[in-house]
Protein backbone atom coordinates (compact mmCIF):
# COMPACT_ATOMS: atom_id res chain seq x y z
CA MET A 1 -9.75 -47.52 6.34
CA LEU A 2 -7.03 -44.67 6.80
CA LYS A 3 -6.38 -46.02 10.51
CA MET A 4 -5.85 -49.62 8.55
CA LEU A 5 -3.85 -48.21 5.59
CA LEU A 6 -1.09 -46.46 8.37
CA ALA A 7 -1.14 -49.67 10.06
CA HIS A 8 0.07 -51.66 7.72
CA GLY A 9 2.66 -49.05 6.33
CA ALA A 10 1.01 -46.27 4.57
CA ASP A 11 3.21 -43.40 3.94
CA ALA A 12 1.13 -40.40 5.47
CA SER A 13 3.32 -37.63 4.00
CA GLY A 14 2.97 -39.31 0.44
CA ARG A 15 2.11 -36.39 -2.36
CA ASP A 16 -0.18 -36.66 -5.40
CA PRO A 17 0.99 -34.77 -8.41
CA MET A 18 0.11 -31.35 -7.15
CA GLY A 19 2.57 -32.14 -4.09
CA SER A 20 -0.66 -32.29 -1.94
CA SER A 21 -0.45 -34.50 1.01
CA VAL A 22 -3.29 -36.35 3.18
CA LEU A 23 -3.08 -33.43 5.82
CA HIS A 24 -3.47 -30.73 2.87
CA ILE A 25 -6.58 -32.34 1.77
CA ALA A 26 -8.10 -33.38 5.34
CA ALA A 27 -7.38 -29.28 5.96
CA LYS A 28 -9.24 -28.24 2.82
CA TYR A 29 -12.34 -30.64 3.06
CA GLY A 30 -12.52 -30.30 6.95
CA ALA A 31 -11.91 -33.82 7.42
CA ARG A 32 -11.79 -33.56 11.00
CA LYS A 33 -11.80 -37.82 11.64
CA VAL A 34 -8.55 -37.81 9.30
CA LEU A 35 -6.77 -35.42 11.07
CA ASP A 36 -7.50 -37.04 14.41
CA VAL A 37 -6.21 -40.44 12.55
CA LEU A 38 -3.22 -38.59 11.20
CA LYS A 39 -2.20 -37.08 14.87
CA GLY A 40 -0.89 -40.76 15.72
CA SER A 41 1.35 -40.45 12.75
CA SER A 42 4.27 -38.01 11.96
CA VAL A 43 1.76 -35.37 11.53
CA ARG A 44 3.64 -32.77 13.67
CA GLU A 45 6.67 -33.31 10.95
CA GLU A 46 4.52 -32.59 8.15
CA VAL A 47 2.18 -29.38 9.44
CA ASN A 48 4.41 -27.05 7.86
CA THR A 49 5.11 -28.53 4.80
CA VAL A 50 3.94 -26.72 1.32
CA ASP A 51 2.56 -28.25 -2.02
CA SER A 52 3.69 -26.96 -5.30
CA LEU A 53 1.83 -24.15 -4.68
CA GLY A 54 3.57 -23.06 -1.43
CA ASN A 55 0.48 -23.79 0.59
CA THR A 56 0.44 -25.15 3.89
CA ALA A 57 -2.64 -27.35 5.47
CA LEU A 58 -3.54 -24.03 7.34
CA HIS A 59 -3.45 -21.91 4.16
CA TYR A 60 -6.54 -24.39 3.07
CA ALA A 61 -8.08 -24.35 6.23
CA ALA A 62 -7.93 -20.85 6.08
CA ASP A 63 -9.23 -20.68 2.51
CA CYS A 64 -11.82 -22.99 3.42
CA ALA A 65 -13.30 -21.70 6.47
CA GLN A 66 -12.74 -24.77 8.21
CA LEU A 67 -12.12 -23.31 11.48
CA ASP A 68 -11.90 -26.14 13.84
CA VAL A 69 -9.13 -27.71 11.43
CA ALA A 70 -7.32 -24.28 11.67
CA ARG A 71 -7.64 -24.47 15.28
CA GLU A 72 -6.19 -28.03 15.21
CA LEU A 73 -3.37 -27.33 12.97
CA LEU A 74 -2.23 -24.58 15.32
CA GLY A 75 -2.19 -26.61 18.19
CA LEU A 76 0.13 -29.10 16.21
CA GLY A 77 2.26 -26.70 15.46
CA ALA A 78 1.04 -24.60 12.23
CA ASN A 79 3.11 -21.84 11.22
CA VAL A 80 0.90 -19.18 10.77
CA ASN A 81 3.11 -16.67 8.96
CA VAL A 82 4.25 -19.00 6.20
CA ALA A 83 3.85 -17.45 2.44
CA ASN A 84 2.87 -19.23 -0.16
CA LEU A 85 4.32 -18.86 -3.70
CA ARG A 86 2.50 -15.45 -4.17
CA MET A 87 3.77 -14.54 -0.95
CA ALA A 88 0.24 -14.99 0.64
CA THR A 89 -0.40 -16.12 4.38
CA PRO A 90 -3.31 -17.82 6.13
CA LEU A 91 -4.14 -14.34 6.99
CA HIS A 92 -4.15 -12.92 3.51
CA MET A 93 -6.64 -16.02 2.26
CA ALA A 94 -8.89 -16.03 5.28
CA VAL A 95 -9.51 -11.93 4.90
CA SER A 96 -9.60 -12.21 1.21
CA LYS A 97 -12.76 -14.55 1.54
CA ALA A 98 -14.49 -12.60 4.40
CA ARG A 99 -13.75 -15.24 6.85
CA LEU A 100 -14.29 -13.21 10.25
CA GLU A 101 -14.18 -16.05 12.81
CA MET A 102 -10.81 -17.46 10.77
CA THR A 103 -9.48 -14.23 10.92
CA LYS A 104 -10.22 -13.51 14.48
CA LEU A 105 -8.65 -17.18 15.20
CA LEU A 106 -5.47 -16.50 13.19
CA LEU A 107 -4.81 -13.03 14.75
CA GLU A 108 -5.53 -13.89 18.65
CA GLU A 109 -4.63 -17.79 18.85
CA GLY A 110 -2.09 -17.77 16.22
CA GLN A 111 -0.49 -14.58 16.43
CA ALA A 112 -0.25 -14.00 12.89
CA ASP A 113 1.19 -10.66 11.41
CA VAL A 114 -1.06 -8.30 10.48
CA ASN A 115 1.20 -6.40 8.46
CA ALA A 116 2.60 -9.21 6.48
CA THR A 117 2.69 -8.49 2.48
CA ASP A 118 2.19 -10.58 -0.69
CA TYR A 119 3.59 -10.44 -3.76
CA GLN A 120 1.82 -7.16 -4.28
CA ASP A 121 2.60 -5.34 -1.21
CA ASN A 122 -0.75 -6.05 -0.16
CA THR A 123 -1.39 -6.27 3.73
CA ALA A 124 -4.75 -8.32 4.97
CA LEU A 125 -5.95 -4.73 5.22
CA LEU A 126 -5.51 -3.37 2.01
CA LEU A 127 -7.22 -6.39 0.31
CA LEU A 128 -9.95 -6.35 2.59
CA ALA A 129 -10.53 -2.19 1.67
CA ALA A 130 -10.07 -3.13 -1.98
CA MET A 131 -13.14 -5.92 -1.69
CA THR A 132 -16.51 -4.66 -3.82
CA SER A 133 -20.01 -5.38 -2.37
CA SER A 134 -20.16 -8.02 -4.42
CA ASP A 135 -17.18 -9.50 -3.18
CA MET A 136 -18.58 -9.72 0.21
CA ASP A 137 -21.97 -11.21 -0.65
CA GLU A 138 -20.37 -13.85 -2.32
CA TYR A 139 -18.22 -14.75 0.47
CA THR A 140 -20.68 -13.66 3.70
CA SER A 141 -23.95 -15.71 4.20
CA ASP A 142 -27.44 -14.13 5.07
CA SER A 143 -26.87 -13.98 8.52
CA GLU A 144 -23.95 -12.11 8.68
CA GLU A 145 -25.82 -9.49 6.02
CA GLU A 146 -28.04 -9.22 8.66
CA GLU A 147 -25.85 -7.78 11.47
CA GLU A 148 -25.80 -4.24 12.44
CA GLU A 149 -22.28 -3.80 11.37
CA SER A 150 -21.11 -5.63 7.70
CA VAL A 151 -18.26 -8.21 7.95
CA GLN A 152 -15.94 -6.18 6.14
CA LEU A 153 -16.07 -3.60 8.87
CA GLN A 154 -15.96 -6.02 11.67
CA THR A 155 -12.97 -7.21 10.31
CA ALA A 156 -11.26 -4.22 9.50
CA ARG A 157 -11.86 -3.01 13.58
CA LEU A 158 -10.25 -6.37 14.19
CA LEU A 159 -7.28 -6.08 11.81
CA LEU A 160 -6.98 -2.22 13.41
CA GLU A 161 -6.92 -3.21 16.89
CA HIS A 162 -4.39 -5.79 15.99
CA GLY A 163 -1.95 -3.04 14.71
CA ALA A 164 -2.67 -3.21 11.09
CA ASP A 165 -0.68 -0.07 9.79
CA VAL A 166 -3.64 2.33 8.40
CA ASN A 167 -1.24 3.76 6.21
CA ALA A 168 0.48 0.64 4.33
CA ALA A 169 0.39 1.26 0.56
CA ASN A 170 0.68 -1.71 -2.04
CA THR A 171 3.10 -1.80 -5.52
CA ALA A 172 0.49 0.86 -7.00
CA THR A 173 1.19 2.92 -3.84
CA ALA A 174 -2.86 2.48 -3.03
CA THR A 175 -3.73 2.79 0.63
CA PRO A 176 -6.96 1.28 2.25
CA LEU A 177 -8.11 4.83 2.29
CA HIS A 178 -7.86 5.01 -1.41
CA HIS A 179 -9.55 2.12 -2.15
CA ALA A 180 -12.35 2.97 0.55
CA MET A 181 -12.87 6.14 -1.33
CA ARG A 182 -12.77 4.50 -4.80
CA ARG A 183 -15.68 2.09 -3.65
CA TYR A 184 -17.45 5.21 -2.35
CA ASP A 185 -17.75 3.48 1.19
CA LEU A 186 -18.01 6.02 3.83
CA GLU A 187 -18.81 3.87 6.90
CA LEU A 188 -14.79 1.99 5.99
CA MET A 189 -13.84 6.01 5.62
CA ASP A 190 -14.62 6.77 9.11
CA VAL A 191 -13.20 3.37 10.58
CA LEU A 192 -10.01 4.58 8.85
CA LEU A 193 -10.41 8.17 9.60
CA SER A 194 -10.61 7.33 13.51
CA HIS A 195 -7.77 5.43 13.25
CA GLY A 196 -5.39 8.03 12.45
CA VAL A 197 -5.17 7.76 8.40
CA ASP A 198 -2.83 9.82 6.72
CA VAL A 199 -5.37 11.74 4.56
CA ASN A 200 -2.76 13.40 2.64
CA GLN A 201 -0.94 10.21 1.54
CA ARG A 202 -0.43 10.10 -2.46
CA ASN A 203 -0.82 7.35 -4.86
CA ARG A 204 1.46 6.28 -7.93
CA PHE A 205 -0.29 8.95 -9.91
CA GLY A 206 0.80 11.78 -7.32
CA ASP A 207 -3.02 12.10 -6.01
CA THR A 208 -3.83 12.78 -2.61
CA PRO A 209 -7.80 11.55 -1.95
CA LEU A 210 -8.64 14.70 -1.87
CA HIS A 211 -7.94 14.57 -5.76
CA GLN A 212 -9.34 11.29 -5.99
CA ALA A 213 -12.52 12.42 -4.79
CA ALA A 214 -12.39 15.11 -7.58
CA ARG A 215 -11.51 12.90 -10.32
CA LEU A 216 -14.37 10.42 -9.22
CA ALA A 217 -17.02 13.30 -8.45
CA LEU A 218 -17.30 11.99 -4.83
CA LEU A 219 -19.76 13.19 -2.44
CA PRO A 220 -19.74 16.62 -0.70
CA ILE A 221 -19.82 14.60 2.42
CA MET A 222 -16.92 12.38 1.52
CA TRP A 223 -14.92 15.84 1.02
CA GLN A 224 -16.26 17.22 3.91
CA LYS A 225 -14.78 14.32 6.47
CA LEU A 226 -11.16 14.64 4.50
CA LEU A 227 -11.00 18.24 5.01
CA GLU A 228 -12.26 18.08 8.81
CA HIS A 229 -9.45 15.58 8.99
CA GLY A 230 -6.48 17.73 8.08
CA ALA A 231 -6.62 16.99 4.04
CA ASP A 232 -4.68 19.63 1.84
CA LEU A 233 -6.99 21.36 -0.72
CA THR A 234 -3.80 23.43 -1.83
CA ALA A 235 -2.15 20.18 -2.99
CA GLU A 236 -0.79 19.60 -6.76
CA ASP A 237 -1.28 16.56 -8.09
CA ARG A 238 1.91 15.65 -10.85
CA GLY A 239 0.38 17.83 -13.38
CA GLY A 240 0.24 20.83 -11.29
CA GLN A 241 -3.59 21.21 -10.43
CA THR A 242 -5.30 21.20 -6.83
CA PRO A 243 -8.23 19.04 -6.15
CA MET A 244 -10.70 22.04 -6.80
CA GLU A 245 -9.39 22.51 -10.39
CA LEU A 246 -10.13 18.56 -11.09
CA ILE A 247 -13.64 18.81 -10.16
CA PRO A 248 -15.72 17.76 -13.50
CA ASN A 249 -18.68 19.63 -13.31
CA ASN A 250 -19.67 23.29 -11.57
CA VAL A 251 -22.71 21.71 -9.60
CA LEU A 252 -20.34 19.67 -7.50
CA ARG A 253 -17.77 22.35 -7.48
CA ALA A 254 -20.42 24.69 -6.21
CA SER A 255 -20.86 22.17 -3.37
CA VAL A 256 -17.84 21.52 -2.48
CA ALA A 257 -16.99 24.80 -2.01
CA GLU A 258 -19.85 25.43 0.55
CA VAL A 259 -18.39 22.78 2.59
CA VAL A 260 -14.83 24.28 2.09
CA ALA A 261 -16.66 28.05 3.52
CA SER A 262 -18.31 26.12 6.59
CA ILE A 263 -15.05 24.36 7.75
CA THR A 264 -13.11 27.62 7.21
CA CYS A 265 -15.70 29.48 9.33
CA THR A 266 -16.14 26.60 11.92
CA ASN A 267 -12.17 26.67 12.20
CA LYS A 268 -12.19 30.48 12.60
CA GLU A 269 -14.74 30.15 15.22
CA LYS A 270 -12.70 27.89 17.29
CA GLU A 271 -9.76 29.81 17.16
CA GLU A 272 -11.53 33.05 18.38
């Protein structure tokens, strides 16, 4: 039908009230046959056009996990780094929906800018680090959840392997490490620490990750990981308080003190 309409002069670049073209809709719903027909028209000229939200067809393919369509769009010359009205690129959209294979495609075949920032200065890694377990459950399949390493960790490693800035901060000056700690995510902490994250970087409240560990009453193991990577126990927040002074209860304070003593002893032995 579409082929017949085009043959009789239908305009393939026509838009609906939202500014969406046939190409936008085909990408959103994974209509490969429609895309094949459009290839014979002026689709190459339209591949990077945007709708009223600033989205290209590739934005919709990335958002809706239409992997084959995204690959074809890239082959047709889709610009992988176009930002929509919220300054989000297709990579932002793929990562925010836990689309691991789409993320891989955009990075490896599309050469996406891994450190592009949205309107809140979030990189893809920052968006990923902020995702909760319920977010991941919503977007990942049962088979993905059964894998040895979570989709979130696999995606984090993928982004970092492609040059993601592990210390990038958004408008709230939160870093991936701040997000990981807020979610009590030991595994993501380990990944970030292994890639040289700054363990003393402050957020907008003047808190280092150790201050955050104190305020959230995080487990001693999280203190240990930070201290082993050079976290400054003497750093003061805006109120002039150190992390130890912010610990909310004596039980945790005693446990953290044991961790500090153990690390201090280990460091002295290494020096000797």
